[in-house]
Amino acid sequence: MAGKSTFGELWGFLKVRKKWWLAPIIIMMLFVGALLVFAQTSALAPFIYAIF
């Protein structure tokens, strides 16, 4: 499977193994990661960090 992206590998794993319950967990992890990256470069950082 040379040339397959990480997301492609993950999607293939979810399809073959029928682990659909992992999808919401992965989506939330990506969302929180994006929020933290956004918080570092934003003037709203003190308010976003207060959420956690």
Protein backbone atom coordinates (compact mmCIF):
# COMPACT_ATOMS: atom_id res chain seq x y z
CA MET A 1 0.00 0.00 0.00
CA ALA A 2 2.74 2.41 -0.91
CA GLY A 3 1.67 6.00 -1.39
CA LYS A 4 -1.43 5.79 0.80
CA SER A 5 -1.97 8.68 3.16
CA THR A 6 -2.45 8.36 6.90
CA PHE A 7 -6.11 9.27 6.56
CA GLY A 8 -6.51 6.71 3.79
CA GLU A 9 -4.99 4.04 6.00
CA LEU A 10 -7.27 5.04 8.88
CA TRP A 11 -10.35 4.98 6.66
CA GLY A 12 -9.40 1.56 5.33
CA PHE A 13 -8.95 0.26 8.87
CA LEU A 14 -12.35 1.58 9.94
CA LYS A 15 -14.03 0.02 6.89
CA VAL A 16 -12.41 -3.41 7.11
CA ARG A 17 -12.52 -3.86 10.88
CA LYS A 18 -16.00 -2.29 11.31
CA LYS A 19 -14.73 0.01 14.07
CA TRP A 20 -17.18 2.83 13.36
CA TRP A 21 -17.34 3.76 17.04
CA LEU A 22 -13.78 5.10 16.71
CA ALA A 23 -14.81 7.76 14.17
CA PRO A 24 -16.39 10.21 16.68
CA ILE A 25 -13.38 9.88 18.97
CA ILE A 26 -10.98 10.64 16.13
CA ILE A 27 -13.09 13.57 14.93
CA MET A 28 -13.18 15.08 18.44
CA MET A 29 -9.41 14.65 18.80
CA LEU A 30 -8.88 16.49 15.51
CA PHE A 31 -11.29 19.23 16.60
CA VAL A 32 -9.54 19.77 19.94
CA GLY A 33 -6.15 19.75 18.23
CA ALA A 34 -7.32 22.38 15.72
CA LEU A 35 -8.75 24.46 18.57
CA LEU A 36 -5.43 24.39 20.41
CA VAL A 37 -3.52 25.41 17.28
CA PHE A 38 -5.99 28.24 16.73
CA ALA A 39 -5.71 29.30 20.36
CA GLN A 40 -1.95 29.77 20.08
CA THR A 41 -2.25 32.34 17.31
CA SER A 42 -5.36 34.15 18.45
CA ALA A 43 -6.14 37.06 20.73
CA LEU A 44 -8.89 34.85 22.16
CA ALA A 45 -6.34 32.46 23.65
CA PRO A 46 -7.04 33.29 27.33
CA PHE A 47 -10.74 32.64 26.82
CA ILE A 48 -10.24 29.39 24.93
CA TYR A 49 -7.81 28.08 27.56
CA ALA A 50 -10.40 28.89 30.23
CA ILE A 51 -12.66 26.24 28.66
CA PHE A 52 -10.16 23.53 29.55
